[in-house]
PDB file of N, CA and C in Angstrom:
ATOM      1  N   MET A   1    -133.371 -21.641 162.543  1.00  0.00           N
ATOM      2  CA  MET A   1    -132.039 -21.205 162.172  1.00  0.00           C
ATOM      3  C   MET A   1    -132.051 -20.888 160.671  1.00  0.00           C
ATOM      4  N   PRO A   2    -131.631 -19.717 160.271  1.00  0.00           N
ATOM      5  CA  PRO A   2    -131.592 -19.361 158.853  1.00  0.00           C
ATOM      6  C   PRO A   2    -130.555 -20.185 158.090  1.00  0.00           C
ATOM      7  N   ILE A   3    -130.816 -20.391 156.813  1.00  0.00           N
ATOM      8  CA  ILE A   3    -129.877 -21.101 155.944  1.00  0.00           C
ATOM      9  C   ILE A   3    -128.937 -20.070 155.350  1.00  0.00           C
ATOM     10  N   GLY A   4    -127.624 -20.323 155.469  1.00  0.00           N
ATOM     11  CA  GLY A   4    -126.626 -19.393 154.946  1.00  0.00           C
ATOM     12  C   GLY A   4    -126.470 -19.496 153.441  1.00  0.00           C
ATOM     13  N   ALA A   5    -125.725 -18.582 152.868  1.00  0.00           N
ATOM     14  CA  ALA A   5    -125.534 -18.515 151.425  1.00  0.00           C
ATOM     15  C   ALA A   5    -124.836 -19.759 150.877  1.00  0.00           C
ATOM     16  N   ASP A   6    -123.985 -20.386 151.672  1.00  0.00           N
ATOM     17  CA  ASP A   6    -123.248 -21.569 151.220  1.00  0.00           C
ATOM     18  C   ASP A   6    -123.832 -22.859 151.763  1.00  0.00           C
ATOM     19  N   GLU A   7    -125.106 -22.838 152.176  1.00  0.00           N
ATOM     20  CA  GLU A   7    -125.753 -24.002 152.761  1.00  0.00           C
ATOM     21  C   GLU A   7    -127.009 -24.372 151.979  1.00  0.00           C
ATOM     22  N   VAL A   8    -127.440 -25.604 152.142  1.00  0.00           N
ATOM     23  CA  VAL A   8    -128.694 -26.068 151.560  1.00  0.00           C
ATOM     24  C   VAL A   8    -129.490 -26.796 152.636  1.00  0.00           C
ATOM     25  N   ALA A   9    -130.808 -26.838 152.468  1.00  0.00           N
ATOM     26  CA  ALA A   9    -131.664 -27.602 153.365  1.00  0.00           C
ATOM     27  C   ALA A   9    -131.794 -29.011 152.822  1.00  0.00           C
ATOM     28  N   VAL A  10    -131.726 -29.997 153.702  1.00  0.00           N
ATOM     29  CA  VAL A  10    -131.868 -31.386 153.306  1.00  0.00           C
ATOM     30  C   VAL A  10    -133.101 -31.944 154.003  1.00  0.00           C
ATOM     31  N   VAL A  11    -134.004 -32.474 153.200  1.00  0.00           N
ATOM     32  CA  VAL A  11    -135.230 -33.037 153.748  1.00  0.00           C
ATOM     33  C   VAL A  11    -135.185 -34.545 153.538  1.00  0.00           C
ATOM     34  N   ASP A  12    -135.315 -35.292 154.621  1.00  0.00           N
ATOM     35  CA  ASP A  12    -135.276 -36.743 154.491  1.00  0.00           C
ATOM     36  C   ASP A  12    -136.654 -37.373 154.599  1.00  0.00           C
ATOM     37  N   HIS A  13    -137.659 -36.566 154.852  1.00  0.00           N
ATOM     38  CA  HIS A  13    -139.019 -37.081 154.937  1.00  0.00           C
ATOM     39  C   HIS A  13    -139.990 -35.982 154.518  1.00  0.00           C
ATOM     40  N   ILE A  14    -140.905 -36.328 153.643  1.00  0.00           N
ATOM     41  CA  ILE A  14    -141.945 -35.382 153.243  1.00  0.00           C
ATOM     42  C   ILE A  14    -143.272 -35.978 153.662  1.00  0.00           C
ATOM     43  N   GLY A  15    -144.000 -35.268 154.475  1.00  0.00           N
ATOM     44  CA  GLY A  15    -145.287 -35.752 154.941  1.00  0.00           C
ATOM     45  C   GLY A  15    -146.319 -34.641 154.911  1.00  0.00           C
ATOM     46  N   ARG A  16    -147.541 -35.008 155.217  1.00  0.00           N
ATOM     47  CA  ARG A  16    -148.604 -34.019 155.219  1.00  0.00           C
ATOM     48  C   ARG A  16    -148.647 -33.298 156.562  1.00  0.00           C
ATOM     49  N   THR A  17    -148.956 -32.023 156.509  1.00  0.00           N
ATOM     50  CA  THR A  17    -149.106 -31.211 157.710  1.00  0.00           C
ATOM     51  C   THR A  17    -150.350 -30.357 157.540  1.00  0.00           C
ATOM     52  N   ALA A  18    -151.121 -30.251 158.577  1.00  0.00           N
ATOM     53  CA  ALA A  18    -152.344 -29.458 158.517  1.00  0.00           C
ATOM     54  C   ALA A  18    -152.021 -27.984 158.296  1.00  0.00           C
ATOM     55  N   LYS A  19    -152.844 -27.320 157.510  1.00  0.00           N
ATOM     56  CA  LYS A  19    -152.657 -25.901 157.235  1.00  0.00           C
ATOM     57  C   LYS A  19    -152.655 -25.106 158.541  1.00  0.00           C
ATOM     58  N   ALA A  20    -153.435 -25.533 159.514  1.00  0.00           N
ATOM     59  CA  ALA A  20    -153.519 -24.827 160.794  1.00  0.00           C
ATOM     60  C   ALA A  20    -152.172 -24.767 161.500  1.00  0.00           C
ATOM     61  N   VAL A  21    -151.345 -25.813 161.336  1.00  0.00           N
ATOM     62  CA  VAL A  21    -150.018 -25.821 161.951  1.00  0.00           C
ATOM     63  C   VAL A  21    -149.173 -24.700 161.358  1.00  0.00           C
ATOM     64  N   PHE A  22    -149.204 -24.557 160.026  1.00  0.00           N
ATOM     65  CA  PHE A  22    -148.455 -23.478 159.388  1.00  0.00           C
ATOM     66  C   PHE A  22    -148.995 -22.116 159.805  1.00  0.00           C
ATOM     67  N   GLU A  23    -150.306 -21.990 159.896  1.00  0.00           N
ATOM     68  CA  GLU A  23    -150.896 -20.704 160.278  1.00  0.00           C
ATOM     69  C   GLU A  23    -150.482 -20.308 161.684  1.00  0.00           C
ATOM     70  N   ARG A  24    -150.380 -21.276 162.587  1.00  0.00           N
ATOM     71  CA  ARG A  24    -149.944 -20.971 163.958  1.00  0.00           C
ATOM     72  C   ARG A  24    -148.483 -20.545 163.993  1.00  0.00           C
ATOM     73  N   ARG A  25    -147.660 -21.192 163.179  1.00  0.00           N
ATOM     74  CA  ARG A  25    -146.223 -20.907 163.200  1.00  0.00           C
ATOM     75  C   ARG A  25    -145.826 -19.717 162.341  1.00  0.00           C
ATOM     76  N   VAL A  26    -146.463 -19.565 161.190  1.00  0.00           N
ATOM     77  CA  VAL A  26    -146.069 -18.535 160.240  1.00  0.00           C
ATOM     78  C   VAL A  26    -147.071 -17.394 160.210  1.00  0.00           C
ATOM     79  N   ARG A  27    -148.287 -17.663 160.629  1.00  0.00           N
ATOM     80  CA  ARG A  27    -149.425 -16.748 160.649  1.00  0.00           C
ATOM     81  C   ARG A  27    -150.081 -16.603 159.290  1.00  0.00           C
ATOM     82  N   VAL A  28    -149.319 -16.345 158.239  1.00  0.00           N
ATOM     83  CA  VAL A  28    -149.914 -16.178 156.920  1.00  0.00           C
ATOM     84  C   VAL A  28    -149.135 -17.030 155.919  1.00  0.00           C
ATOM     85  N   VAL A  29    -149.844 -17.868 155.218  1.00  0.00           N
ATOM     86  CA  VAL A  29    -149.236 -18.641 154.146  1.00  0.00           C
ATOM     87  C   VAL A  29    -149.991 -18.259 152.881  1.00  0.00           C
ATOM     88  N   ASP A  30    -149.394 -17.375 152.097  1.00  0.00           N
ATOM     89  CA  ASP A  30    -150.081 -16.926 150.889  1.00  0.00           C
ATOM     90  C   ASP A  30    -149.873 -17.914 149.747  1.00  0.00           C
ATOM     91  N   SER A  31    -150.672 -17.757 148.714  1.00  0.00           N
ATOM     92  CA  SER A  31    -150.638 -18.709 147.605  1.00  0.00           C
ATOM     93  C   SER A  31    -149.298 -18.699 146.877  1.00  0.00           C
ATOM     94  N   GLN A  32    -148.624 -17.571 146.815  1.00  0.00           N
ATOM     95  CA  GLN A  32    -147.309 -17.518 146.158  1.00  0.00           C
ATOM     96  C   GLN A  32    -146.287 -18.346 146.928  1.00  0.00           C
ATOM     97  N   ALA A  33    -146.317 -18.284 148.239  1.00  0.00           N
ATOM     98  CA  ALA A  33    -145.398 -19.085 149.054  1.00  0.00           C
ATOM     99  C   ALA A  33    -145.652 -20.575 148.842  1.00  0.00           C
ATOM    100  N   VAL A  34    -146.923 -20.960 148.760  1.00  0.00           N
ATOM    101  CA  VAL A  34    -147.263 -22.358 148.528  1.00  0.00           C
ATOM    102  C   VAL A  34    -146.769 -22.797 147.150  1.00  0.00           C
ATOM    103  N   ARG A  35    -146.943 -21.963 146.127  1.00  0.00           N
ATOM    104  CA  ARG A  35    -146.456 -22.284 144.783  1.00  0.00           C
ATOM    105  C   ARG A  35    -144.935 -22.413 144.768  1.00  0.00           C
ATOM    106  N   ASP A  36    -144.252 -21.506 145.466  1.00  0.00           N
ATOM    107  CA  ASP A  36    -142.787 -21.553 145.513  1.00  0.00           C
ATOM    108  C   ASP A  36    -142.298 -22.860 146.136  1.00  0.00           C
ATOM    109  N   VAL A  37    -142.912 -23.260 147.234  1.00  0.00           N
ATOM    110  CA  VAL A  37    -142.535 -24.511 147.898  1.00  0.00           C
ATOM    111  C   VAL A  37    -142.857 -25.691 146.990  1.00  0.00           C
ATOM    112  N   ASN A  38    -144.032 -25.671 146.373  1.00  0.00           N
ATOM    113  CA  ASN A  38    -144.422 -26.750 145.475  1.00  0.00           C
ATOM    114  C   ASN A  38    -143.428 -26.887 144.316  1.00  0.00           C
ATOM    115  N   ASN A  39    -143.050 -25.775 143.715  1.00  0.00           N
ATOM    116  CA  ASN A  39    -142.088 -25.801 142.617  1.00  0.00           C
ATOM    117  C   ASN A  39    -140.727 -26.325 143.060  1.00  0.00           C
ATOM    118  N   ALA A  40    -140.283 -25.890 144.232  1.00  0.00           N
ATOM    119  CA  ALA A  40    -138.979 -26.347 144.743  1.00  0.00           C
ATOM    120  C   ALA A  40    -139.007 -27.846 145.021  1.00  0.00           C
ATOM    121  N   LEU A  41    -140.112 -28.342 145.607  1.00  0.00           N
ATOM    122  CA  LEU A  41    -140.216 -29.777 145.858  1.00  0.00           C
ATOM    123  C   LEU A  41    -140.261 -30.564 144.555  1.00  0.00           C
ATOM    124  N   PHE A  42    -140.994 -30.068 143.574  1.00  0.00           N
ATOM    125  CA  PHE A  42    -141.067 -30.747 142.281  1.00  0.00           C
ATOM    126  C   PHE A  42    -139.679 -30.847 141.652  1.00  0.00           C
ATOM    127  N   LYS A  43    -138.935 -29.738 141.674  1.00  0.00           N
ATOM    128  CA  LYS A  43    -137.588 -29.737 141.094  1.00  0.00           C
ATOM    129  C   LYS A  43    -136.679 -30.706 141.844  1.00  0.00           C
ATOM    130  N   THR A  44    -136.806 -30.725 143.165  1.00  0.00           N
ATOM    131  CA  THR A  44    -135.974 -31.613 143.982  1.00  0.00           C
ATOM    132  C   THR A  44    -136.309 -33.081 143.707  1.00  0.00           C
ATOM    133  N   LEU A  45    -137.585 -33.400 143.656  1.00  0.00           N
ATOM    134  CA  LEU A  45    -137.990 -34.793 143.490  1.00  0.00           C
ATOM    135  C   LEU A  45    -137.776 -35.291 142.059  1.00  0.00           C
ATOM    136  N   SER A  46    -137.779 -34.380 141.085  1.00  0.00           N
ATOM    137  CA  SER A  46    -137.603 -34.813 139.694  1.00  0.00           C
ATOM    138  C   SER A  46    -136.136 -34.901 139.292  1.00  0.00           C
ATOM    139  N   THR A  47    -135.244 -34.479 140.174  1.00  0.00           N
ATOM    140  CA  THR A  47    -133.812 -34.556 139.904  1.00  0.00           C
ATOM    141  C   THR A  47    -133.309 -35.934 140.310  1.00  0.00           C
ATOM    142  N   SER A  48    -132.624 -36.600 139.390  1.00  0.00           N
ATOM    143  CA  SER A  48    -132.156 -37.962 139.722  1.00  0.00           C
ATOM    144  C   SER A  48    -130.791 -37.934 140.367  1.00  0.00           C
TER     145      SER A  48
END
């Protein structure tokens, strides 16, 4: 389900997932997408 303009995603658990799982679901996970997710998680986790 897409996230709307007035909505946010809430993650209550962060765990490890094999790259193969993402490749099966998304097909291609490029390095920019990984950096974007990493940056978003860093910003989220560093916010008190």
